[in-house]
PDB file of N, CA and C in Angstrom:
ATOM      1  N   MET A   1      89.565 102.483 122.820  1.00  0.00           N
ATOM      2  CA  MET A   1      89.295 103.853 122.443  1.00  0.00           C
ATOM      3  C   MET A   1      88.249 103.917 121.327  1.00  0.00           C
ATOM      4  N   TYR A   2      88.359 102.948 120.398  1.00  0.00           N
ATOM      5  CA  TYR A   2      87.421 102.929 119.284  1.00  0.00           C
ATOM      6  C   TYR A   2      85.996 102.700 119.775  1.00  0.00           C
ATOM      7  N   ILE A   3      85.841 101.808 120.742  1.00  0.00           N
ATOM      8  CA  ILE A   3      84.499 101.508 121.265  1.00  0.00           C
ATOM      9  C   ILE A   3      83.922 102.734 121.967  1.00  0.00           C
ATOM     10  N   PHE A   4      84.749 103.446 122.728  1.00  0.00           N
ATOM     11  CA  PHE A   4      84.299 104.655 123.406  1.00  0.00           C
ATOM     12  C   PHE A   4      83.837 105.706 122.397  1.00  0.00           C
ATOM     13  N   LEU A   5      84.615 105.914 121.335  1.00  0.00           N
ATOM     14  CA  LEU A   5      84.230 106.889 120.305  1.00  0.00           C
ATOM     15  C   LEU A   5      82.971 106.434 119.573  1.00  0.00           C
ATOM     16  N   SER A   6      82.836 105.141 119.350  1.00  0.00           N
ATOM     17  CA  SER A   6      81.633 104.634 118.690  1.00  0.00           C
ATOM     18  C   SER A   6      80.391 104.873 119.538  1.00  0.00           C
ATOM     19  N   ILE A   7      80.517 104.693 120.850  1.00  0.00           N
ATOM     20  CA  ILE A   7      79.381 104.945 121.740  1.00  0.00           C
ATOM     21  C   ILE A   7      78.999 106.424 121.715  1.00  0.00           C
ATOM     22  N   LEU A   8      79.995 107.299 121.733  1.00  0.00           N
ATOM     23  CA  LEU A   8      79.709 108.740 121.653  1.00  0.00           C
ATOM     24  C   LEU A   8      79.015 109.104 120.342  1.00  0.00           C
ATOM     25  N   ILE A   9      79.442 108.489 119.245  1.00  0.00           N
ATOM     26  CA  ILE A   9      78.829 108.762 117.943  1.00  0.00           C
ATOM     27  C   ILE A   9      77.380 108.294 117.930  1.00  0.00           C
ATOM     28  N   VAL A  10      77.103 107.136 118.511  1.00  0.00           N
ATOM     29  CA  VAL A  10      75.727 106.622 118.534  1.00  0.00           C
ATOM     30  C   VAL A  10      74.833 107.527 119.376  1.00  0.00           C
ATOM     31  N   ILE A  11      75.325 107.955 120.531  1.00  0.00           N
ATOM     32  CA  ILE A  11      74.532 108.845 121.396  1.00  0.00           C
ATOM     33  C   ILE A  11      74.261 110.167 120.687  1.00  0.00           C
ATOM     34  N   ALA A  12      75.290 110.735 120.044  1.00  0.00           N
ATOM     35  CA  ALA A  12      75.107 111.999 119.328  1.00  0.00           C
ATOM     36  C   ALA A  12      74.149 111.826 118.155  1.00  0.00           C
ATOM     37  N   SER A  13      74.186 110.679 117.502  1.00  0.00           N
ATOM     38  CA  SER A  13      73.274 110.430 116.377  1.00  0.00           C
ATOM     39  C   SER A  13      71.825 110.359 116.847  1.00  0.00           C
ATOM     40  N   ILE A  14      71.602 109.712 117.988  1.00  0.00           N
ATOM     41  CA  ILE A  14      70.238 109.636 118.525  1.00  0.00           C
ATOM     42  C   ILE A  14      69.746 111.028 118.913  1.00  0.00           C
ATOM     43  N   LEU A  15      70.613 111.819 119.544  1.00  0.00           N
ATOM     44  CA  LEU A  15      70.234 113.194 119.883  1.00  0.00           C
ATOM     45  C   LEU A  15      69.947 114.017 118.635  1.00  0.00           C
ATOM     46  N   LEU A  16      70.753 113.826 117.598  1.00  0.00           N
ATOM     47  CA  LEU A  16      70.548 114.568 116.352  1.00  0.00           C
ATOM     48  C   LEU A  16      69.217 114.196 115.707  1.00  0.00           C
ATOM     49  N   MET A  17      68.856 112.922 115.770  1.00  0.00           N
ATOM     50  CA  MET A  17      67.551 112.525 115.231  1.00  0.00           C
ATOM     51  C   MET A  17      66.420 113.211 115.982  1.00  0.00           C
ATOM     52  N   GLY A  18      66.539 113.290 117.297  1.00  0.00           N
ATOM     53  CA  GLY A  18      65.513 113.965 118.078  1.00  0.00           C
ATOM     54  C   GLY A  18      65.416 115.439 117.767  1.00  0.00           C
ATOM     55  N   VAL A  19      66.562 116.097 117.620  1.00  0.00           N
ATOM     56  CA  VAL A  19      66.572 117.531 117.319  1.00  0.00           C
ATOM     57  C   VAL A  19      65.990 117.787 115.933  1.00  0.00           C
ATOM     58  N   VAL A  20      66.311 116.934 114.981  1.00  0.00           N
ATOM     59  CA  VAL A  20      65.777 117.123 113.625  1.00  0.00           C
ATOM     60  C   VAL A  20      64.269 116.876 113.605  1.00  0.00           C
ATOM     61  N   LEU A  21      63.799 115.913 114.377  1.00  0.00           N
ATOM     62  CA  LEU A  21      62.360 115.651 114.402  1.00  0.00           C
ATOM     63  C   LEU A  21      61.575 116.766 115.084  1.00  0.00           C
ATOM     64  N   ILE A  22      62.221 117.512 115.979  1.00  0.00           N
ATOM     65  CA  ILE A  22      61.553 118.646 116.617  1.00  0.00           C
ATOM     66  C   ILE A  22      61.310 119.758 115.597  1.00  0.00           C
ATOM     67  N   GLN A  23      62.248 119.910 114.684  1.00  0.00           N
ATOM     68  CA  GLN A  23      62.149 120.994 113.701  1.00  0.00           C
ATOM     69  C   GLN A  23      61.084 120.680 112.664  1.00  0.00           C
ATOM     70  N   LYS A  24      60.530 121.734 112.123  1.00  0.00           N
ATOM     71  CA  LYS A  24      59.640 121.596 110.979  1.00  0.00           C
ATOM     72  C   LYS A  24      60.383 122.077 109.749  1.00  0.00           C
ATOM     73  N   SER A  25      59.948 121.623 108.619  1.00  0.00           N
ATOM     74  CA  SER A  25      60.558 122.126 107.399  1.00  0.00           C
ATOM     75  C   SER A  25      60.172 123.587 107.200  1.00  0.00           C
ATOM     76  N   LYS A  26      60.900 124.287 106.420  1.00  0.00           N
ATOM     77  CA  LYS A  26      60.692 125.707 106.115  1.00  0.00           C
ATOM     78  C   LYS A  26      60.935 126.601 107.314  1.00  0.00           C
ATOM     79  N   GLY A  27      61.676 126.137 108.313  1.00  0.00           N
ATOM     80  CA  GLY A  27      62.102 127.002 109.403  1.00  0.00           C
ATOM     81  C   GLY A  27      61.084 127.268 110.481  1.00  0.00           C
ATOM     82  N   GLY A  28      59.942 126.594 110.497  1.00  0.00           N
ATOM     83  CA  GLY A  28      58.953 126.821 111.550  1.00  0.00           C
ATOM     84  C   GLY A  28      59.435 126.282 112.872  1.00  0.00           C
ATOM     85  N   GLY A  29      59.673 125.005 112.911  1.00  0.00           N
ATOM     86  CA  GLY A  29      60.261 124.350 114.059  1.00  0.00           C
ATOM     87  C   GLY A  29      59.412 124.423 115.312  1.00  0.00           C
ATOM     88  N   LEU A  30      60.054 124.243 116.426  1.00  0.00           N
ATOM     89  CA  LEU A  30      59.400 124.236 117.722  1.00  0.00           C
ATOM     90  C   LEU A  30      58.800 125.603 118.048  1.00  0.00           C
ATOM     91  N   ALA A  31      59.407 126.647 117.546  1.00  0.00           N
ATOM     92  CA  ALA A  31      58.962 127.994 117.883  1.00  0.00           C
ATOM     93  C   ALA A  31      57.586 128.325 117.298  1.00  0.00           C
ATOM     94  N   SER A  32      57.183 127.665 116.213  1.00  0.00           N
ATOM     95  CA  SER A  32      55.899 128.001 115.609  1.00  0.00           C
ATOM     96  C   SER A  32      54.724 127.468 116.421  1.00  0.00           C
ATOM     97  N   ASP A  33      54.963 126.558 117.340  1.00  0.00           N
ATOM     98  CA  ASP A  33      53.883 125.993 118.135  1.00  0.00           C
ATOM     99  C   ASP A  33      53.499 126.868 119.327  1.00  0.00           C
ATOM    100  N   TYR A  34      54.312 127.852 119.653  1.00  0.00           N
ATOM    101  CA  TYR A  34      54.003 128.728 120.781  1.00  0.00           C
ATOM    102  C   TYR A  34      53.043 129.821 120.324  1.00  0.00           C
ATOM    103  N   SER A  35      51.936 129.922 120.995  1.00  0.00           N
ATOM    104  CA  SER A  35      50.974 130.957 120.608  1.00  0.00           C
ATOM    105  C   SER A  35      51.055 132.168 121.526  1.00  0.00           C
ATOM    106  N   SER A  36      51.742 132.015 122.664  1.00  0.00           N
ATOM    107  CA  SER A  36      51.773 133.123 123.611  1.00  0.00           C
ATOM    108  C   SER A  36      52.947 134.069 123.383  1.00  0.00           C
ATOM    109  N   GLY A  37      53.731 133.847 122.355  1.00  0.00           N
ATOM    110  CA  GLY A  37      54.836 134.768 122.065  1.00  0.00           C
ATOM    111  C   GLY A  37      56.049 134.492 122.928  1.00  0.00           C
ATOM    112  N   ASN A  38      56.611 135.518 123.506  1.00  0.00           N
ATOM    113  CA  ASN A  38      57.840 135.378 124.298  1.00  0.00           C
ATOM    114  C   ASN A  38      57.525 134.768 125.656  1.00  0.00           C
ATOM    115  N   GLN A  39      58.213 133.663 125.946  1.00  0.00           N
ATOM    116  CA  GLN A  39      58.136 133.102 127.288  1.00  0.00           C
ATOM    117  C   GLN A  39      59.520 133.251 127.895  1.00  0.00           C
ATOM    118  N   TYR A  40      60.092 132.206 128.412  1.00  0.00           N
ATOM    119  CA  TYR A  40      61.400 132.338 129.039  1.00  0.00           C
ATOM    120  C   TYR A  40      62.486 132.632 128.016  1.00  0.00           C
ATOM    121  N   LEU A  41      62.576 131.810 127.014  1.00  0.00           N
ATOM    122  CA  LEU A  41      63.620 131.999 126.011  1.00  0.00           C
ATOM    123  C   LEU A  41      63.142 132.837 124.832  1.00  0.00           C
ATOM    124  N   GLY A  42      61.888 132.883 124.606  1.00  0.00           N
ATOM    125  CA  GLY A  42      61.373 133.570 123.432  1.00  0.00           C
ATOM    126  C   GLY A  42      61.379 132.627 122.252  1.00  0.00           C
ATOM    127  N   TYR A  43      60.495 132.842 121.320  1.00  0.00           N
ATOM    128  CA  TYR A  43      60.375 131.895 120.219  1.00  0.00           C
ATOM    129  C   TYR A  43      61.552 131.980 119.267  1.00  0.00           C
ATOM    130  N   ARG A  44      62.144 133.150 119.093  1.00  0.00           N
ATOM    131  CA  ARG A  44      63.284 133.262 118.188  1.00  0.00           C
ATOM    132  C   ARG A  44      64.517 132.575 118.781  1.00  0.00           C
ATOM    133  N   LYS A  45      64.730 132.691 120.081  1.00  0.00           N
ATOM    134  CA  LYS A  45      65.886 132.065 120.708  1.00  0.00           C
ATOM    135  C   LYS A  45      65.739 130.545 120.726  1.00  0.00           C
ATOM    136  N   THR A  46      64.512 130.025 120.801  1.00  0.00           N
ATOM    137  CA  THR A  46      64.304 128.581 120.750  1.00  0.00           C
ATOM    138  C   THR A  46      64.722 128.039 119.397  1.00  0.00           C
ATOM    139  N   THR A  47      64.358 128.715 118.322  1.00  0.00           N
ATOM    140  CA  THR A  47      64.747 128.298 116.980  1.00  0.00           C
ATOM    141  C   THR A  47      66.252 128.367 116.823  1.00  0.00           C
ATOM    142  N   ASP A  48      66.880 129.419 117.342  1.00  0.00           N
ATOM    143  CA  ASP A  48      68.339 129.530 117.262  1.00  0.00           C
ATOM    144  C   ASP A  48      69.020 128.393 118.006  1.00  0.00           C
ATOM    145  N   PHE A  49      68.512 128.038 119.180  1.00  0.00           N
ATOM    146  CA  PHE A  49      69.106 126.956 119.959  1.00  0.00           C
ATOM    147  C   PHE A  49      69.016 125.630 119.218  1.00  0.00           C
ATOM    148  N   ILE A  50      67.864 125.352 118.629  1.00  0.00           N
ATOM    149  CA  ILE A  50      67.691 124.080 117.916  1.00  0.00           C
ATOM    150  C   ILE A  50      68.596 124.035 116.690  1.00  0.00           C
ATOM    151  N   GLU A  51      68.721 125.149 115.997  1.00  0.00           N
ATOM    152  CA  GLU A  51      69.600 125.192 114.831  1.00  0.00           C
ATOM    153  C   GLU A  51      71.061 125.012 115.242  1.00  0.00           C
ATOM    154  N   LYS A  52      71.472 125.667 116.332  1.00  0.00           N
ATOM    155  CA  LYS A  52      72.852 125.512 116.810  1.00  0.00           C
ATOM    156  C   LYS A  52      73.100 124.091 117.307  1.00  0.00           C
ATOM    157  N   ALA A  53      72.102 123.483 117.936  1.00  0.00           N
ATOM    158  CA  ALA A  53      72.246 122.099 118.395  1.00  0.00           C
ATOM    159  C   ALA A  53      72.393 121.153 117.206  1.00  0.00           C
ATOM    160  N   THR A  54      71.650 121.403 116.145  1.00  0.00           N
ATOM    161  CA  THR A  54      71.745 120.571 114.949  1.00  0.00           C
ATOM    162  C   THR A  54      73.147 120.645 114.353  1.00  0.00           C
ATOM    163  N   TRP A  55      73.640 121.864 114.156  1.00  0.00           N
ATOM    164  CA  TRP A  55      74.979 122.043 113.593  1.00  0.00           C
ATOM    165  C   TRP A  55      76.049 121.498 114.529  1.00  0.00           C
ATOM    166  N   GLY A  56      75.902 121.734 115.810  1.00  0.00           N
ATOM    167  CA  GLY A  56      76.892 121.260 116.765  1.00  0.00           C
ATOM    168  C   GLY A  56      76.980 119.736 116.800  1.00  0.00           C
ATOM    169  N   LEU A  57      75.827 119.060 116.805  1.00  0.00           N
ATOM    170  CA  LEU A  57      75.823 117.606 116.815  1.00  0.00           C
ATOM    171  C   LEU A  57      76.365 117.034 115.504  1.00  0.00           C
ATOM    172  N   ALA A  58      76.035 117.670 114.387  1.00  0.00           N
ATOM    173  CA  ALA A  58      76.551 117.201 113.094  1.00  0.00           C
ATOM    174  C   ALA A  58      78.072 117.331 113.034  1.00  0.00           C
ATOM    175  N   ILE A  59      78.595 118.445 113.509  1.00  0.00           N
ATOM    176  CA  ILE A  59      80.045 118.650 113.522  1.00  0.00           C
ATOM    177  C   ILE A  59      80.703 117.670 114.494  1.00  0.00           C
ATOM    178  N   PHE A  60      80.085 117.445 115.653  1.00  0.00           N
ATOM    179  CA  PHE A  60      80.622 116.511 116.640  1.00  0.00           C
ATOM    180  C   PHE A  60      80.710 115.104 116.061  1.00  0.00           C
ATOM    181  N   ILE A  61      79.652 114.660 115.375  1.00  0.00           N
ATOM    182  CA  ILE A  61      79.652 113.327 114.772  1.00  0.00           C
ATOM    183  C   ILE A  61      80.742 113.212 113.712  1.00  0.00           C
ATOM    184  N   THR A  62      80.918 114.253 112.907  1.00  0.00           N
ATOM    185  CA  THR A  62      81.945 114.234 111.861  1.00  0.00           C
ATOM    186  C   THR A  62      83.342 114.135 112.460  1.00  0.00           C
ATOM    187  N   VAL A  63      83.622 114.957 113.467  1.00  0.00           N
ATOM    188  CA  VAL A  63      84.952 114.963 114.085  1.00  0.00           C
ATOM    189  C   VAL A  63      85.212 113.633 114.797  1.00  0.00           C
ATOM    190  N   MET A  64      84.227 113.112 115.495  1.00  0.00           N
ATOM    191  CA  MET A  64      84.417 111.839 116.193  1.00  0.00           C
ATOM    192  C   MET A  64      84.594 110.683 115.208  1.00  0.00           C
ATOM    193  N   SER A  65      83.935 110.751 114.062  1.00  0.00           N
ATOM    194  CA  SER A  65      84.107 109.706 113.047  1.00  0.00           C
ATOM    195  C   SER A  65      85.525 109.729 112.490  1.00  0.00           C
ATOM    196  N   ILE A  66      86.056 110.909 112.272  1.00  0.00           N
ATOM    197  CA  ILE A  66      87.433 111.023 111.785  1.00  0.00           C
ATOM    198  C   ILE A  66      88.409 110.528 112.847  1.00  0.00           C
ATOM    199  N   CYS A  67      88.183 110.888 114.093  1.00  0.00           N
ATOM    200  CA  CYS A  67      89.057 110.412 115.183  1.00  0.00           C
ATOM    201  C   CYS A  67      88.972 108.898 115.321  1.00  0.00           C
ATOM    202  N   ALA A  68      87.787 108.335 115.180  1.00  0.00           N
ATOM    203  CA  ALA A  68      87.632 106.884 115.291  1.00  0.00           C
ATOM    204  C   ALA A  68      88.348 106.163 114.159  1.00  0.00           C
ATOM    205  N   SER A  69      88.395 106.776 112.987  1.00  0.00           N
ATOM    206  CA  SER A  69      89.088 106.123 111.876  1.00  0.00           C
ATOM    207  C   SER A  69      90.591 106.052 112.125  1.00  0.00           C
ATOM    208  N   PHE A  70      91.138 106.979 112.896  1.00  0.00           N
ATOM    209  CA  PHE A  70      92.562 106.938 113.211  1.00  0.00           C
ATOM    210  C   PHE A  70      92.875 105.915 114.296  1.00  0.00           C
ATOM    211  N   THR A  71      91.903 105.528 115.092  1.00  0.00           N
ATOM    212  CA  THR A  71      92.161 104.566 116.161  1.00  0.00           C
ATOM    213  C   THR A  71      92.085 103.131 115.678  1.00  0.00           C
ATOM    214  N   VAL A  72      91.541 102.892 114.493  1.00  0.00           N
ATOM    215  CA  VAL A  72      91.438 101.534 113.970  1.00  0.00           C
ATOM    216  C   VAL A  72      92.813 101.115 113.464  1.00  0.00           C
ATOM    217  N   LYS A  73      93.275  99.992 113.959  1.00  0.00           N
ATOM    218  CA  LYS A  73      94.565  99.476 113.526  1.00  0.00           C
ATOM    219  C   LYS A  73      94.327  98.437 112.438  1.00  0.00           C
ATOM    220  N   THR A  74      95.025  98.578 111.331  1.00  0.00           N
ATOM    221  CA  THR A  74      94.893  97.607 110.256  1.00  0.00           C
ATOM    222  C   THR A  74      95.832  96.439 110.540  1.00  0.00           C
ATOM    223  N   PRO A  75      95.337  95.231 110.470  1.00  0.00           N
ATOM    224  CA  PRO A  75      96.201  94.082 110.753  1.00  0.00           C
ATOM    225  C   PRO A  75      97.220  93.883 109.635  1.00  0.00           C
ATOM    226  N   VAL A  76      98.418  93.486 110.021  1.00  0.00           N
ATOM    227  CA  VAL A  76      99.467  93.219 109.052  1.00  0.00           C
ATOM    228  C   VAL A  76      99.388  91.746 108.700  1.00  0.00           C
ATOM    229  N   ASN A  77      99.225  91.456 107.424  1.00  0.00           N
ATOM    230  CA  ASN A  77      99.129  90.092 106.962  1.00  0.00           C
ATOM    231  C   ASN A  77     100.541  89.589 106.672  1.00  0.00           C
ATOM    232  N   VAL A  78     101.068  88.722 107.535  1.00  0.00           N
ATOM    233  CA  VAL A  78     102.448  88.259 107.433  1.00  0.00           C
ATOM    234  C   VAL A  78     102.650  87.424 106.176  1.00  0.00           C
ATOM    235  N   SER A  79     101.661  86.644 105.780  1.00  0.00           N
ATOM    236  CA  SER A  79     101.832  85.774 104.617  1.00  0.00           C
ATOM    237  C   SER A  79     102.059  86.592 103.351  1.00  0.00           C
ATOM    238  N   LYS A  80     101.435  87.749 103.234  1.00  0.00           N
ATOM    239  CA  LYS A  80     101.649  88.589 102.057  1.00  0.00           C
ATOM    240  C   LYS A  80     103.057  89.168 102.058  1.00  0.00           C
ATOM    241  N   ILE A  81     103.569  89.508 103.234  1.00  0.00           N
ATOM    242  CA  ILE A  81     104.914  90.068 103.315  1.00  0.00           C
ATOM    243  C   ILE A  81     105.937  88.997 102.955  1.00  0.00           C
ATOM    244  N   GLU A  82     105.751  87.776 103.456  1.00  0.00           N
ATOM    245  CA  GLU A  82     106.683  86.700 103.147  1.00  0.00           C
ATOM    246  C   GLU A  82     106.622  86.322 101.672  1.00  0.00           C
ATOM    247  N   ALA A  83     105.443  86.363 101.086  1.00  0.00           N
ATOM    248  CA  ALA A  83     105.313  86.018  99.673  1.00  0.00           C
ATOM    249  C   ALA A  83     105.935  87.087  98.791  1.00  0.00           C
ATOM    250  N   ALA A  84     105.925  88.316  99.225  1.00  0.00           N
ATOM    251  CA  ALA A  84     106.473  89.399  98.409  1.00  0.00           C
ATOM    252  C   ALA A  84     107.990  89.387  98.410  1.00  0.00           C
ATOM    253  N   ALA A  85     108.607  88.947  99.480  1.00  0.00           N
ATOM    254  CA  ALA A  85     110.067  88.917  99.575  1.00  0.00           C
ATOM    255  C   ALA A  85     110.539  87.471  99.538  1.00  0.00           C
ATOM    256  N   PRO A  86     110.986  86.992  98.367  1.00  0.00           N
ATOM    257  CA  PRO A  86     111.428  85.598  98.292  1.00  0.00           C
ATOM    258  C   PRO A  86     112.735  85.403  99.055  1.00  0.00           C
ATOM    259  N   THR A  87     112.869  84.219  99.618  1.00  0.00           N
ATOM    260  CA  THR A  87     114.075  83.911 100.381  1.00  0.00           C
ATOM    261  C   THR A  87     115.136  83.373  99.425  1.00  0.00           C
ATOM    262  N   PRO A  88     116.405  83.650  99.676  1.00  0.00           N
ATOM    263  CA  PRO A  88     117.450  83.123  98.794  1.00  0.00           C
ATOM    264  C   PRO A  88     117.584  81.614  98.971  1.00  0.00           C
ATOM    265  N   ASN A  89     118.048  80.930  97.920  1.00  0.00           N
ATOM    266  CA  ASN A  89     118.256  79.477  97.905  1.00  0.00           C
ATOM    267  C   ASN A  89     116.964  78.709  98.157  1.00  0.00           C
ATOM    268  N   ALA A  90     115.847  79.279  97.824  1.00  0.00           N
ATOM    269  CA  ALA A  90     114.577  78.578  98.008  1.00  0.00           C
ATOM    270  C   ALA A  90     114.335  77.677  96.813  1.00  0.00           C
ATOM    271  N   ALA A  91     113.895  76.463  97.085  1.00  0.00           N
ATOM    272  CA  ALA A  91     113.591  75.523  96.011  1.00  0.00           C
ATOM    273  C   ALA A  91     112.331  75.978  95.306  1.00  0.00           C
ATOM    274  N   ALA A  92     112.260  75.642  94.042  1.00  0.00           N
ATOM    275  CA  ALA A  92     111.081  76.014  93.267  1.00  0.00           C
ATOM    276  C   ALA A  92     109.890  75.224  93.782  1.00  0.00           C
ATOM    277  N   PRO A  93     108.758  75.870  93.944  1.00  0.00           N
ATOM    278  CA  PRO A  93     107.580  75.149  94.445  1.00  0.00           C
ATOM    279  C   PRO A  93     107.057  74.171  93.397  1.00  0.00           C
ATOM    280  N   ALA A  94     106.435  73.115  93.875  1.00  0.00           N
ATOM    281  CA  ALA A  94     105.846  72.122  92.977  1.00  0.00           C
ATOM    282  C   ALA A  94     104.675  72.754  92.249  1.00  0.00           C
ATOM    283  N   PRO A  95     104.462  72.351  90.988  1.00  0.00           N
ATOM    284  CA  PRO A  95     103.330  72.935  90.258  1.00  0.00           C
ATOM    285  C   PRO A  95     102.014  72.533  90.905  1.00  0.00           C
ATOM    286  N   ALA A  96     101.101  73.455  90.903  1.00  0.00           N
ATOM    287  CA  ALA A  96      99.797  73.206  91.515  1.00  0.00           C
ATOM    288  C   ALA A  96      98.959  72.352  90.588  1.00  0.00           C
ATOM    289  N   ALA A  97      98.072  71.580  91.182  1.00  0.00           N
ATOM    290  CA  ALA A  97      97.180  70.738  90.395  1.00  0.00           C
ATOM    291  C   ALA A  97      96.168  71.607  89.681  1.00  0.00           C
ATOM    292  N   VAL A  98      95.834  71.213  88.476  1.00  0.00           N
ATOM    293  CA  VAL A  98      94.852  71.951  87.695  1.00  0.00           C
ATOM    294  C   VAL A  98      93.468  71.597  88.219  1.00  0.00           C
ATOM    295  N   PRO A  99      92.640  72.598  88.483  1.00  0.00           N
ATOM    296  CA  PRO A  99      91.293  72.286  88.980  1.00  0.00           C
ATOM    297  C   PRO A  99      90.503  71.466  87.968  1.00  0.00           C
ATOM    298  N   GLY A 100      89.764  70.515  88.451  1.00  0.00           N
ATOM    299  CA  GLY A 100      88.913  69.708  87.584  1.00  0.00           C
ATOM    300  C   GLY A 100      89.564  68.414  87.150  1.00  0.00           C
ATOM    301  N   THR A 101      90.859  68.253  87.388  1.00  0.00           N
ATOM    302  CA  THR A 101      91.512  67.000  87.029  1.00  0.00           C
ATOM    303  C   THR A 101      91.579  66.120  88.266  1.00  0.00           C
ATOM    304  N   PRO A 102      91.493  64.797  88.078  1.00  0.00           N
ATOM    305  CA  PRO A 102      91.542  63.920  89.248  1.00  0.00           C
ATOM    306  C   PRO A 102      92.935  63.945  89.856  1.00  0.00           C
ATOM    307  N   ALA A 103      92.975  63.817  91.149  1.00  0.00           N
ATOM    308  CA  ALA A 103      94.250  63.809  91.848  1.00  0.00           C
ATOM    309  C   ALA A 103      94.967  62.506  91.574  1.00  0.00           C
ATOM    310  N   ALA A 104      96.284  62.554  91.614  1.00  0.00           N
ATOM    311  CA  ALA A 104      97.069  61.344  91.375  1.00  0.00           C
ATOM    312  C   ALA A 104      96.851  60.379  92.527  1.00  0.00           C
ATOM    313  N   THR A 105      96.501  59.135  92.163  1.00  0.00           N
ATOM    314  CA  THR A 105      96.284  58.126  93.191  1.00  0.00           C
ATOM    315  C   THR A 105      97.400  57.104  93.095  1.00  0.00           C
ATOM    316  N   PRO A 106      97.829  56.572  94.219  1.00  0.00           N
ATOM    317  CA  PRO A 106      98.899  55.566  94.141  1.00  0.00           C
ATOM    318  C   PRO A 106      98.390  54.278  93.491  1.00  0.00           C
ATOM    319  N   ALA A 107      99.293  53.561  92.838  1.00  0.00           N
ATOM    320  CA  ALA A 107      98.932  52.308  92.168  1.00  0.00           C
ATOM    321  C   ALA A 107      98.601  51.267  93.225  1.00  0.00           C
ATOM    322  N   PRO A 108      97.632  50.391  92.937  1.00  0.00           N
ATOM    323  CA  PRO A 108      97.292  49.358  93.910  1.00  0.00           C
ATOM    324  C   PRO A 108      98.428  48.365  94.086  1.00  0.00           C
ATOM    325  N   ALA A 109      98.528  47.806  95.259  1.00  0.00           N
ATOM    326  CA  ALA A 109      99.564  46.812  95.543  1.00  0.00           C
ATOM    327  C   ALA A 109      99.255  45.532  94.773  1.00  0.00           C
ATOM    328  N   PRO A 110     100.319  44.817  94.350  1.00  0.00           N
ATOM    329  CA  PRO A 110     100.043  43.566  93.602  1.00  0.00           C
ATOM    330  C   PRO A 110      99.354  42.547  94.510  1.00  0.00           C
ATOM    331  N   ALA A 111      98.469  41.806  93.900  1.00  0.00           N
ATOM    332  CA  ALA A 111      97.699  40.826  94.646  1.00  0.00           C
ATOM    333  C   ALA A 111      98.569  39.628  94.976  1.00  0.00           C
ATOM    334  N   THR A 112      98.422  39.129  96.156  1.00  0.00           N
ATOM    335  CA  THR A 112      99.154  37.923  96.540  1.00  0.00           C
ATOM    336  C   THR A 112      98.254  36.717  96.332  1.00  0.00           C
ATOM    337  N   PRO A 113      98.801  35.618  95.857  1.00  0.00           N
ATOM    338  CA  PRO A 113      97.942  34.451  95.636  1.00  0.00           C
ATOM    339  C   PRO A 113      97.437  33.847  96.945  1.00  0.00           C
ATOM    340  N   ALA A 114      96.225  33.426  96.933  1.00  0.00           N
ATOM    341  CA  ALA A 114      95.636  32.850  98.127  1.00  0.00           C
ATOM    342  C   ALA A 114      95.988  31.374  98.190  1.00  0.00           C
ATOM    343  N   ASN A 115      96.283  30.830  99.326  1.00  0.00           N
ATOM    344  CA  ASN A 115      96.627  29.413  99.474  1.00  0.00           C
ATOM    345  C   ASN A 115      95.453  28.609  99.810  1.00  0.00           C
TER     346      ASN A 115
END
């Protein structure tokens, strides 16, 4: 489910980039490039459509991101749970070696005389 939502978010993000690049700053947008005035949609309706598409895609990405965050399962770390709850009658652990000190090495075996 998470992968499906991630794919939808990526597609919506690419569409949003395209819609934003169509617009011009200061509200000119795609409609300012038409010199013949009203065509099929009219220049004012074209600007409204692009603005609604921008808001719609932004809201869609936000909602899908929130939904995707709920589908992510956090792994349960068993070692932390076991360490937090000590078991009864457990022997005390051996002290850990101090970093930087040489490890204890076994004593060498006594030399046998050669014949």
